[in-house]
Amino acid sequence: MVFVPIEQAITSDRTKKSRLIATDMDGTLTQQGKFTASLLQAFEDLSAASIPVLIVTGRSAGWVSGLATYLPIAGAIAENGGLFYPEDSAEPIVLTPIPDRIQHRQQLANAYQHLKSEFPQIQESTDNQFRLTDWTFDNRDLTVSQLERLAGLCSSLGWGFTYSSVQCHIKPAFQDKAVGLMQVLREYFPQYKPEQVLTVGDSPNDASLFNPELFPLSVGVANVLDYANELIYKPAYVTTASEGEGFCELVRYLYV
């Protein structure tokens, strides 16, 4: 799998068409799990250039509600497309309809126990208690073949499955980042066409954001190369730096 350096996008001016950035968080905005001063400055630079930022993350509703409130961003999509938090509201907009939340959580818990019966080493994520639409467990030392087996088990139970560098997600079958982002763009940012949206990510649960038929402008930070053989779609371009430093590199190329 060949990845094109971000410099080629800058040389061709392709990324100059972008008017909105939709980005993953963990491993893409974070540096060793933390936000840095450089990242916050990059957000400020983008705001000054009138480039709105949407965070599109697998993290829980509970975590993301705070991010959308405190960060200088246009909003945040939580739980891999399950919910949307606009910048001006503390109430989430549900993107995946759930008629009975209590029953839904119980069904997810049952699915998790089914997975755990075959993989007793998996551990529920600490933020799982703050989730509404999906169920997560930590992605610790799971091999590609084990992850594929987990995906198959979820499918047999009627659930979807995805994973990032930090977590595995049991989720509604058709819930993913691209579906959620497309809905948010249609309903809340209709002034931006998908070809004007620059998507950024680092791992397999960002793969739908790299789908060129939906988002032709996509960038992976350098650590996406760790998953080169596991991506359904690859990003159009890749930064030199990894994690949050890669995102800041992208911003410097584009707007500073």
C-alpha atoms as a PDB file:
ATOM      1  CA  MET A   1       0.000   0.000   0.000  1.00  0.00           C
ATOM      2  CA  VAL A   2       1.519   3.316  -1.145  1.00  0.00           C
ATOM      3  CA  PHE A   3       0.935   6.500   0.857  1.00  0.00           C
ATOM      4  CA  VAL A   4       1.442   9.935  -0.690  1.00  0.00           C
ATOM      5  CA  PRO A   5       3.360  12.529   1.396  1.00  0.00           C
ATOM      6  CA  ILE A   6       1.418  15.638   2.403  1.00  0.00           C
ATOM      7  CA  GLU A   7       3.976  17.816   0.574  1.00  0.00           C
ATOM      8  CA  GLN A   8       2.561  16.612  -2.743  1.00  0.00           C
ATOM      9  CA  ALA A   9      -0.894  17.841  -1.776  1.00  0.00           C
ATOM     10  CA  ILE A  10       0.517  21.247  -0.921  1.00  0.00           C
ATOM     11  CA  THR A  11       2.474  21.405  -4.186  1.00  0.00           C
ATOM     12  CA  SER A  12      -0.664  20.628  -6.189  1.00  0.00           C
ATOM     13  CA  ASP A  13      -2.804  23.006  -4.074  1.00  0.00           C
ATOM     14  CA  ARG A  14      -5.434  20.280  -3.700  1.00  0.00           C
ATOM     15  CA  THR A  15      -5.875  20.852   0.024  1.00  0.00           C
ATOM     16  CA  LYS A  16      -6.464  24.576  -0.558  1.00  0.00           C
ATOM     17  CA  LYS A  17      -9.995  23.561  -1.555  1.00  0.00           C
ATOM     18  CA  SER A  18     -10.765  22.543   2.015  1.00  0.00           C
ATOM     19  CA  ARG A  19     -13.072  24.769   4.046  1.00  0.00           C
ATOM     20  CA  LEU A  20     -13.748  22.559   7.088  1.00  0.00           C
ATOM     21  CA  ILE A  21     -11.619  20.007   8.953  1.00  0.00           C
ATOM     22  CA  ALA A  22     -13.164  16.848  10.423  1.00  0.00           C
ATOM     23  CA  THR A  23     -10.635  15.042  12.578  1.00  0.00           C
ATOM     24  CA  ASP A  24     -10.259  12.041  14.807  1.00  0.00           C
ATOM     25  CA  MET A  25      -8.938  12.713  18.315  1.00  0.00           C
ATOM     26  CA  ASP A  26      -6.922   9.951  20.029  1.00  0.00           C
ATOM     27  CA  GLY A  27      -3.662   9.383  18.199  1.00  0.00           C
ATOM     28  CA  THR A  28      -4.489  12.193  15.774  1.00  0.00           C
ATOM     29  CA  LEU A  29      -4.869  15.294  17.970  1.00  0.00           C
ATOM     30  CA  THR A  30      -3.279  13.865  21.111  1.00  0.00           C
ATOM     31  CA  GLN A  31       0.452  13.440  21.664  1.00  0.00           C
ATOM     32  CA  GLN A  32       1.135  10.451  23.917  1.00  0.00           C
ATOM     33  CA  GLY A  33      -2.465  10.712  25.081  1.00  0.00           C
ATOM     34  CA  LYS A  34      -2.495  14.449  25.856  1.00  0.00           C
ATOM     35  CA  PHE A  35      -3.443  17.733  24.200  1.00  0.00           C
ATOM     36  CA  THR A  36      -0.447  20.011  23.768  1.00  0.00           C
ATOM     37  CA  ALA A  37      -0.020  23.780  23.676  1.00  0.00           C
ATOM     38  CA  SER A  38       0.864  23.426  19.985  1.00  0.00           C
ATOM     39  CA  LEU A  39      -2.472  21.757  19.284  1.00  0.00           C
ATOM     40  CA  LEU A  40      -4.441  24.497  21.034  1.00  0.00           C
ATOM     41  CA  GLN A  41      -2.505  27.083  19.034  1.00  0.00           C
ATOM     42  CA  ALA A  42      -3.339  25.171  15.841  1.00  0.00           C
ATOM     43  CA  PHE A  43      -7.033  25.367  16.760  1.00  0.00           C
ATOM     44  CA  GLU A  44      -6.672  29.113  17.303  1.00  0.00           C
ATOM     45  CA  ASP A  45      -4.905  29.495  13.952  1.00  0.00           C
ATOM     46  CA  LEU A  46      -7.685  27.623  12.198  1.00  0.00           C
ATOM     47  CA  SER A  47     -10.316  29.750  13.912  1.00  0.00           C
ATOM     48  CA  ALA A  48      -8.511  32.924  12.825  1.00  0.00           C
ATOM     49  CA  ALA A  49      -8.515  31.580   9.247  1.00  0.00           C
ATOM     50  CA  SER A  50     -12.288  30.886   9.512  1.00  0.00           C
ATOM     51  CA  ILE A  51     -11.731  27.139   9.129  1.00  0.00           C
ATOM     52  CA  PRO A  52     -14.174  25.317  11.442  1.00  0.00           C
ATOM     53  CA  VAL A  53     -13.065  22.070  13.090  1.00  0.00           C
ATOM     54  CA  LEU A  54     -15.278  19.107  13.889  1.00  0.00           C
ATOM     55  CA  ILE A  55     -13.870  16.376  16.116  1.00  0.00           C
ATOM     56  CA  VAL A  56     -15.097  12.931  15.053  1.00  0.00           C
ATOM     57  CA  THR A  57     -14.122  10.476  17.766  1.00  0.00           C
ATOM     58  CA  GLY A  58     -14.947   7.102  19.200  1.00  0.00           C
ATOM     59  CA  ARG A  59     -14.835   8.535  22.701  1.00  0.00           C
ATOM     60  CA  SER A  60     -17.911   8.508  24.904  1.00  0.00           C
ATOM     61  CA  ALA A  61     -20.790  10.972  25.098  1.00  0.00           C
ATOM     62  CA  GLY A  62     -19.667  11.936  28.598  1.00  0.00           C
ATOM     63  CA  TRP A  63     -16.166  12.860  27.505  1.00  0.00           C
ATOM     64  CA  VAL A  64     -17.149  14.580  24.270  1.00  0.00           C
ATOM     65  CA  SER A  65     -19.758  16.887  25.786  1.00  0.00           C
ATOM     66  CA  GLY A  66     -16.961  18.587  27.709  1.00  0.00           C
ATOM     67  CA  LEU A  67     -14.674  18.826  24.673  1.00  0.00           C
ATOM     68  CA  ALA A  68     -17.320  20.576  22.599  1.00  0.00           C
ATOM     69  CA  THR A  69     -17.843  23.070  25.413  1.00  0.00           C
ATOM     70  CA  TYR A  70     -14.236  23.995  26.154  1.00  0.00           C
ATOM     71  CA  LEU A  71     -12.347  23.673  22.871  1.00  0.00           C
ATOM     72  CA  PRO A  72     -12.500  26.335  20.108  1.00  0.00           C
ATOM     73  CA  ILE A  73     -14.241  23.980  17.675  1.00  0.00           C
ATOM     74  CA  ALA A  74     -17.519  23.930  15.746  1.00  0.00           C
ATOM     75  CA  GLY A  75     -18.679  20.749  17.463  1.00  0.00           C
ATOM     76  CA  ALA A  76     -17.848  17.110  18.109  1.00  0.00           C
ATOM     77  CA  ILE A  77     -19.255  13.770  17.009  1.00  0.00           C
ATOM     78  CA  ALA A  78     -19.021  11.079  19.684  1.00  0.00           C
ATOM     79  CA  GLU A  79     -19.094   7.283  19.721  1.00  0.00           C
ATOM     80  CA  ASN A  80     -18.070   6.839  16.076  1.00  0.00           C
ATOM     81  CA  GLY A  81     -21.074   8.655  14.650  1.00  0.00           C
ATOM     82  CA  GLY A  82     -23.610   8.017  17.404  1.00  0.00           C
ATOM     83  CA  LEU A  83     -24.121  11.554  18.707  1.00  0.00           C
ATOM     84  CA  PHE A  84     -23.328  15.153  17.806  1.00  0.00           C
ATOM     85  CA  TYR A  85     -22.512  17.960  20.249  1.00  0.00           C
ATOM     86  CA  PRO A  86     -22.724  21.404  18.606  1.00  0.00           C
ATOM     87  CA  GLU A  87     -20.491  24.107  20.037  1.00  0.00           C
ATOM     88  CA  ASP A  88     -23.483  26.081  21.326  1.00  0.00           C
ATOM     89  CA  SER A  89     -25.377  23.277  23.091  1.00  0.00           C
ATOM     90  CA  ALA A  90     -24.720  20.965  26.024  1.00  0.00           C
ATOM     91  CA  GLU A  91     -27.424  18.575  24.798  1.00  0.00           C
ATOM     92  CA  PRO A  92     -26.419  15.905  22.310  1.00  0.00           C
ATOM     93  CA  ILE A  93     -28.162  15.401  18.993  1.00  0.00           C
ATOM     94  CA  VAL A  94     -28.715  11.672  18.592  1.00  0.00           C
ATOM     95  CA  LEU A  95     -27.564  10.487  15.165  1.00  0.00           C
ATOM     96  CA  THR A  96     -28.333   6.798  15.772  1.00  0.00           C
ATOM     97  CA  PRO A  97     -31.964   6.417  16.899  1.00  0.00           C
ATOM     98  CA  ILE A  98     -32.356   4.332  20.072  1.00  0.00           C
ATOM     99  CA  PRO A  99     -36.014   3.758  21.006  1.00  0.00           C
ATOM    100  CA  ASP A 100     -35.236   2.248  24.422  1.00  0.00           C
ATOM    101  CA  ARG A 101     -31.879   3.290  25.883  1.00  0.00           C
ATOM    102  CA  ILE A 102     -31.983   0.919  28.855  1.00  0.00           C
ATOM    103  CA  GLN A 103     -32.776  -2.071  26.666  1.00  0.00           C
ATOM    104  CA  HIS A 104     -30.103  -1.005  24.174  1.00  0.00           C
ATOM    105  CA  ARG A 105     -27.430  -0.879  26.878  1.00  0.00           C
ATOM    106  CA  GLN A 106     -28.453  -4.291  28.175  1.00  0.00           C
ATOM    107  CA  GLN A 107     -28.226  -5.781  24.691  1.00  0.00           C
ATOM    108  CA  LEU A 108     -24.743  -4.297  24.283  1.00  0.00           C
ATOM    109  CA  ALA A 109     -23.735  -5.712  27.684  1.00  0.00           C
ATOM    110  CA  ASN A 110     -24.970  -9.153  26.622  1.00  0.00           C
ATOM    111  CA  ALA A 111     -22.941  -8.948  23.419  1.00  0.00           C
ATOM    112  CA  TYR A 112     -19.850  -7.969  25.413  1.00  0.00           C
ATOM    113  CA  GLN A 113     -20.270 -10.952  27.726  1.00  0.00           C
ATOM    114  CA  HIS A 114     -20.531 -13.197  24.680  1.00  0.00           C
ATOM    115  CA  LEU A 115     -17.203 -11.846  23.394  1.00  0.00           C
ATOM    116  CA  LYS A 116     -15.655 -12.181  26.834  1.00  0.00           C
ATOM    117  CA  SER A 117     -16.609 -15.852  27.011  1.00  0.00           C
ATOM    118  CA  GLU A 118     -14.175 -16.461  24.137  1.00  0.00           C
ATOM    119  CA  PHE A 119     -11.706 -13.689  25.012  1.00  0.00           C
ATOM    120  CA  PRO A 120     -11.625 -13.566  28.832  1.00  0.00           C
ATOM    121  CA  GLN A 121      -8.668 -11.168  28.794  1.00  0.00           C
ATOM    122  CA  ILE A 122     -10.646  -8.229  27.396  1.00  0.00           C
ATOM    123  CA  GLN A 123     -11.514  -5.453  29.862  1.00  0.00           C
ATOM    124  CA  GLU A 124     -14.336  -2.921  29.716  1.00  0.00           C
ATOM    125  CA  SER A 125     -13.064   0.604  29.042  1.00  0.00           C
ATOM    126  CA  THR A 126     -13.145   3.072  31.921  1.00  0.00           C
ATOM    127  CA  ASP A 127     -15.325   5.494  29.936  1.00  0.00           C
ATOM    128  CA  ASN A 128     -17.894   2.840  29.004  1.00  0.00           C
ATOM    129  CA  GLN A 129     -20.211   4.002  31.790  1.00  0.00           C
ATOM    130  CA  PHE A 130     -20.534   7.363  30.023  1.00  0.00           C
ATOM    131  CA  ARG A 131     -21.693   5.874  26.700  1.00  0.00           C
ATOM    132  CA  LEU A 132     -25.127   5.880  25.096  1.00  0.00           C
ATOM    133  CA  THR A 133     -24.912   4.133  21.711  1.00  0.00           C
ATOM    134  CA  ASP A 134     -21.973   1.698  21.836  1.00  0.00           C
ATOM    135  CA  TRP A 135     -19.916  -0.470  24.217  1.00  0.00           C
ATOM    136  CA  THR A 136     -16.140  -0.426  24.454  1.00  0.00           C
ATOM    137  CA  PHE A 137     -13.303  -2.490  25.786  1.00  0.00           C
ATOM    138  CA  ASP A 138      -9.599  -1.731  25.778  1.00  0.00           C
ATOM    139  CA  ASN A 139      -7.512  -2.696  22.765  1.00  0.00           C
ATOM    140  CA  ARG A 140      -4.585  -4.247  24.617  1.00  0.00           C
ATOM    141  CA  ASP A 141      -2.306  -6.770  22.920  1.00  0.00           C
ATOM    142  CA  LEU A 142      -5.029  -8.044  20.592  1.00  0.00           C
ATOM    143  CA  THR A 143      -3.667  -9.459  17.342  1.00  0.00           C
ATOM    144  CA  VAL A 144      -5.128  -8.721  13.930  1.00  0.00           C
ATOM    145  CA  SER A 145      -6.551 -12.240  13.741  1.00  0.00           C
ATOM    146  CA  GLN A 146      -8.179 -11.822  17.161  1.00  0.00           C
ATOM    147  CA  LEU A 147      -9.678  -8.485  16.114  1.00  0.00           C
ATOM    148  CA  GLU A 148     -11.044 -10.138  12.981  1.00  0.00           C
ATOM    149  CA  ARG A 149     -12.568 -12.894  15.101  1.00  0.00           C
ATOM    150  CA  LEU A 150     -14.171 -10.304  17.395  1.00  0.00           C
ATOM    151  CA  ALA A 151     -15.628  -8.551  14.348  1.00  0.00           C
ATOM    152  CA  GLY A 152     -17.064 -11.859  13.150  1.00  0.00           C
ATOM    153  CA  LEU A 153     -18.634 -12.594  16.525  1.00  0.00           C
ATOM    154  CA  CYS A 154     -20.237  -9.153  16.619  1.00  0.00           C
ATOM    155  CA  SER A 155     -21.603  -9.623  13.115  1.00  0.00           C
ATOM    156  CA  SER A 156     -23.130 -12.973  14.070  1.00  0.00           C
ATOM    157  CA  LEU A 157     -24.924 -11.209  16.918  1.00  0.00           C
ATOM    158  CA  GLY A 158     -26.209  -8.426  14.670  1.00  0.00           C
ATOM    159  CA  TRP A 159     -23.732  -5.777  15.812  1.00  0.00           C
ATOM    160  CA  GLY A 160     -21.008  -3.811  14.104  1.00  0.00           C
ATOM    161  CA  PHE A 161     -17.421  -3.712  15.331  1.00  0.00           C
ATOM    162  CA  THR A 162     -14.502  -1.360  14.900  1.00  0.00           C
ATOM    163  CA  TYR A 163     -11.308  -0.508  16.729  1.00  0.00           C
ATOM    164  CA  SER A 164      -8.803   2.267  17.202  1.00  0.00           C
ATOM    165  CA  SER A 165      -5.375   2.430  18.776  1.00  0.00           C
ATOM    166  CA  VAL A 166      -7.000   2.526  22.224  1.00  0.00           C
ATOM    167  CA  GLN A 167     -10.438   0.882  22.154  1.00  0.00           C
ATOM    168  CA  CYS A 168     -12.640  -1.734  20.526  1.00  0.00           C
ATOM    169  CA  HIS A 169     -16.276  -0.833  19.886  1.00  0.00           C
ATOM    170  CA  ILE A 170     -19.424  -2.939  19.778  1.00  0.00           C
ATOM    171  CA  LYS A 171     -21.881  -0.705  17.939  1.00  0.00           C
ATOM    172  CA  PRO A 172     -25.041  -0.583  15.839  1.00  0.00           C
ATOM    173  CA  ALA A 173     -24.231  -2.250  12.530  1.00  0.00           C
ATOM    174  CA  PHE A 174     -24.459   0.839  10.312  1.00  0.00           C
ATOM    175  CA  GLN A 175     -23.011   3.390  12.737  1.00  0.00           C
ATOM    176  CA  ASP A 176     -19.664   4.773  11.660  1.00  0.00           C
ATOM    177  CA  LYS A 177     -17.791   8.049  11.456  1.00  0.00           C
ATOM    178  CA  ALA A 178     -18.537   8.789   7.799  1.00  0.00           C
ATOM    179  CA  VAL A 179     -22.270   8.173   8.177  1.00  0.00           C
ATOM    180  CA  GLY A 180     -22.430  10.447  11.223  1.00  0.00           C
ATOM    181  CA  LEU A 181     -20.289  13.131   9.615  1.00  0.00           C
ATOM    182  CA  MET A 182     -22.337  13.159   6.405  1.00  0.00           C
ATOM    183  CA  GLN A 183     -25.536  13.581   8.446  1.00  0.00           C
ATOM    184  CA  VAL A 184     -24.051  16.441  10.472  1.00  0.00           C
ATOM    185  CA  LEU A 185     -22.807  18.167   7.318  1.00  0.00           C
ATOM    186  CA  ARG A 186     -26.226  17.897   5.642  1.00  0.00           C
ATOM    187  CA  GLU A 187     -28.204  19.126   8.618  1.00  0.00           C
ATOM    188  CA  TYR A 188     -25.898  21.611  10.353  1.00  0.00           C
ATOM    189  CA  PHE A 189     -23.217  22.658   7.843  1.00  0.00           C
ATOM    190  CA  PRO A 190     -25.012  22.615   4.470  1.00  0.00           C
ATOM    191  CA  GLN A 191     -22.721  25.375   3.172  1.00  0.00           C
ATOM    192  CA  TYR A 192     -19.867  22.847   2.956  1.00  0.00           C
ATOM    193  CA  LYS A 193     -19.779  20.158   0.298  1.00  0.00           C
ATOM    194  CA  PRO A 194     -18.028  16.868   1.168  1.00  0.00           C
ATOM    195  CA  GLU A 195     -15.254  17.681  -1.321  1.00  0.00           C
ATOM    196  CA  GLN A 196     -14.508  20.821   0.746  1.00  0.00           C
ATOM    197  CA  VAL A 197     -14.077  18.784   3.933  1.00  0.00           C
ATOM    198  CA  LEU A 198     -10.573  17.673   4.905  1.00  0.00           C
ATOM    199  CA  THR A 199     -10.759  14.516   7.008  1.00  0.00           C
ATOM    200  CA  VAL A 200      -7.902  13.456   9.302  1.00  0.00           C
ATOM    201  CA  GLY A 201      -7.281  10.226  11.195  1.00  0.00           C
ATOM    202  CA  ASP A 202      -4.833   7.550  12.285  1.00  0.00           C
ATOM    203  CA  SER A 203      -6.420   4.097  12.640  1.00  0.00           C
ATOM    204  CA  PRO A 204      -8.974   1.568  11.291  1.00  0.00           C
ATOM    205  CA  ASN A 205     -11.991   3.236  12.872  1.00  0.00           C
ATOM    206  CA  ASP A 206     -11.129   6.297  10.774  1.00  0.00           C
ATOM    207  CA  ALA A 207     -11.151   4.287   7.540  1.00  0.00           C
ATOM    208  CA  SER A 208     -14.619   5.471   6.490  1.00  0.00           C
ATOM    209  CA  LEU A 209     -13.317   9.051   6.676  1.00  0.00           C
ATOM    210  CA  PHE A 210     -10.693   8.062   4.101  1.00  0.00           C
ATOM    211  CA  ASN A 211     -13.302   6.825   1.601  1.00  0.00           C
ATOM    212  CA  PRO A 212     -12.420   8.820  -1.549  1.00  0.00           C
ATOM    213  CA  GLU A 213     -15.972   8.570  -2.905  1.00  0.00           C
ATOM    214  CA  LEU A 214     -17.192  10.520   0.123  1.00  0.00           C
ATOM    215  CA  PHE A 215     -14.195  12.621   1.164  1.00  0.00           C
ATOM    216  CA  PRO A 216     -11.563  13.033  -1.575  1.00  0.00           C
ATOM    217  CA  LEU A 217      -9.422  15.229   0.706  1.00  0.00           C
ATOM    218  CA  SER A 218      -8.111  13.031   3.520  1.00  0.00           C
ATOM    219  CA  VAL A 219      -4.915  12.954   5.553  1.00  0.00           C
ATOM    220  CA  GLY A 220      -3.465  10.358   7.886  1.00  0.00           C
ATOM    221  CA  VAL A 221      -0.980  11.384  10.542  1.00  0.00           C
ATOM    222  CA  ALA A 222       2.178   9.290  10.208  1.00  0.00           C
ATOM    223  CA  ASN A 223       1.212   6.651  12.778  1.00  0.00           C
ATOM    224  CA  VAL A 224      -1.540   5.531  10.383  1.00  0.00           C
ATOM    225  CA  LEU A 225       1.264   3.584   8.699  1.00  0.00           C
ATOM    226  CA  ASP A 226       1.111   1.142  11.637  1.00  0.00           C
ATOM    227  CA  TYR A 227      -2.249  -0.006  10.218  1.00  0.00           C
ATOM    228  CA  ALA A 228      -1.302   0.015   6.531  1.00  0.00           C
ATOM    229  CA  ASN A 229      -2.560  -3.525   5.976  1.00  0.00           C
ATOM    230  CA  GLU A 230      -5.726  -3.148   8.048  1.00  0.00           C
ATOM    231  CA  LEU A 231      -7.349  -0.132   6.396  1.00  0.00           C
ATOM    232  CA  ILE A 232     -10.347  -0.615   4.117  1.00  0.00           C
ATOM    233  CA  TYR A 233      -9.589   2.823   2.658  1.00  0.00           C
ATOM    234  CA  LYS A 234      -6.282   4.637   2.850  1.00  0.00           C
ATOM    235  CA  PRO A 235      -5.883   8.413   3.327  1.00  0.00           C
ATOM    236  CA  ALA A 236      -5.034  10.434   0.241  1.00  0.00           C
ATOM    237  CA  TYR A 237      -1.974  11.912   1.990  1.00  0.00           C
ATOM    238  CA  VAL A 238       0.170  11.238   5.058  1.00  0.00           C
ATOM    239  CA  THR A 239       2.080  13.666   7.272  1.00  0.00           C
ATOM    240  CA  THR A 240       5.740  13.290   8.226  1.00  0.00           C
ATOM    241  CA  ALA A 241       5.101  13.640  11.967  1.00  0.00           C
ATOM    242  CA  SER A 242       2.974  11.326  14.106  1.00  0.00           C
ATOM    243  CA  GLU A 243      -0.049  11.956  16.328  1.00  0.00           C
ATOM    244  CA  GLY A 244      -0.804  15.553  17.335  1.00  0.00           C
ATOM    245  CA  GLU A 245       2.461  16.795  15.878  1.00  0.00           C
ATOM    246  CA  GLY A 246       1.279  15.469  12.521  1.00  0.00           C
ATOM    247  CA  PHE A 247      -1.965  17.419  12.813  1.00  0.00           C
ATOM    248  CA  CYS A 248      -0.036  20.575  13.674  1.00  0.00           C
ATOM    249  CA  GLU A 249       2.228  19.921  10.686  1.00  0.00           C
ATOM    250  CA  LEU A 250      -0.852  19.763   8.467  1.00  0.00           C
ATOM    251  CA  VAL A 251      -2.188  23.046   9.852  1.00  0.00           C
ATOM    252  CA  ARG A 252       1.148  24.781   9.283  1.00  0.00           C
ATOM    253  CA  TYR A 253       1.199  23.621   5.678  1.00  0.00           C
ATOM    254  CA  LEU A 254      -2.338  24.761   5.031  1.00  0.00           C
ATOM    255  CA  TYR A 255      -3.073  27.944   6.848  1.00  0.00           C
ATOM    256  CA  VAL A 256      -0.086  29.480   8.639  1.00  0.00           C
END
